């Protein structure tokens, strides 16, 4: 029954796409063609039927609580052929229909795959977790498969779809053949799969992505609005004018700007979102990151951790993502919320409310200009006081400061004020 519903959804999606017009080719798309592409991408949110699950031998499989499972699930057709996505999934022992657990979809970044360690970190905290591989790869390494975009040599499987081509390097292809189209679809389908499990709480299932997975996450939350929460890590939208490789690749790419930029649909994202990164990130600048979280409609927690570094482990090790998810699934909102921030001359004040005690505050600022990831960021003291249950942090800006934010701390957790530029 579930597989039949999934096939029906695929047929409806294909019919919807065919009804929109001729196949799009070339980089110089008309406004009409771009609108059709936008509609096709938004229609991926209709993939709400759970996909069929298979084991490594290609036999139908079932997800059960307990051990880590290696699975494949049905995905969209690619170049006329059916595809499947590889994933690792685990549900905590003891989860049941009577005691369902929250869930999370995990999306890797460039050079990554489905990671067992990442799944375990969430399972240890009581979540059912599925880590998906979005480039047709498995978690088995093969040196012969190694290249610039797959440095660790993850072996591709027999049912694979497209791989990522540089930075939206397949924008000249029909939208249904572009890698991001399939990566978004895989994320939506993984959500539908998790939500279908009787021992997973569908209304408490979120998504987290790291680097390119963060880009996918910030894209998909404007398409599949069923997610209870989201944690885009590093990756964001508004990359077309960045002073790095993204700006060079996307400055003249109208398909990115009008179809794939998360900014196109972020207003539709009303779920709580934690925007997790650090000011020294070389890939995703602070101004693009801030533009993205300001565009989203739902509650947000910005967490900018000085010295965090960029990588899969660096992204999933901090306790911040787990504490954020816990606060949303238990209380319905981020554990800390910025109420306001204002600058008067060289004095900057920010006001937060928090469900946890705030223990400290400090200013993070820079005197430099240019790309934010290349600037020197320094930390200085901020005063902290609690007035009528609200936390007020006040800092004196260096006279020539060009950008800044204030961090409030609760134990190892960080809540950042919105990024500011003079």
Foldseek 3Di string as FASTA:
>chain_A
DLQVVQVVLLVVLVVLLVVLDDFAFFQPDDPSLLVSLQVSLLSLLSSQRAFFKAAPVGHTDDADADDKGWIWTWFHDAPNHTAIWIKIWHAHPPQALVAAFAEEEEEEAFLDAHDPVLQVVVVVVHYTYMYIGQAQFYQDADCVQDDPRNNRHTHGDPRGAHGADPQQPVLRGGSCRGSLSRSLSVRSNVLSNQVPDSRYPNQLYAYEYAHVGLLSQLQNCLRNVSHQEYERELHAFPQCCAPDPSVVVRVSRVSCVSRRGSLNRQCSHAHEYEYHYAQQDPPHHQVRSLVGVVSHNHFYFYFHDHPLDGDDCSRSVQCAVVQQSVCCVPPVHGQKGWDDWDDDQQKIKTKMAGVADWDAKWKWFFLDDGGRNPTDIDIDGWDWDADPRMIMTMDGHDNRTAKIWMWIDHPRYTTIDRIDGD
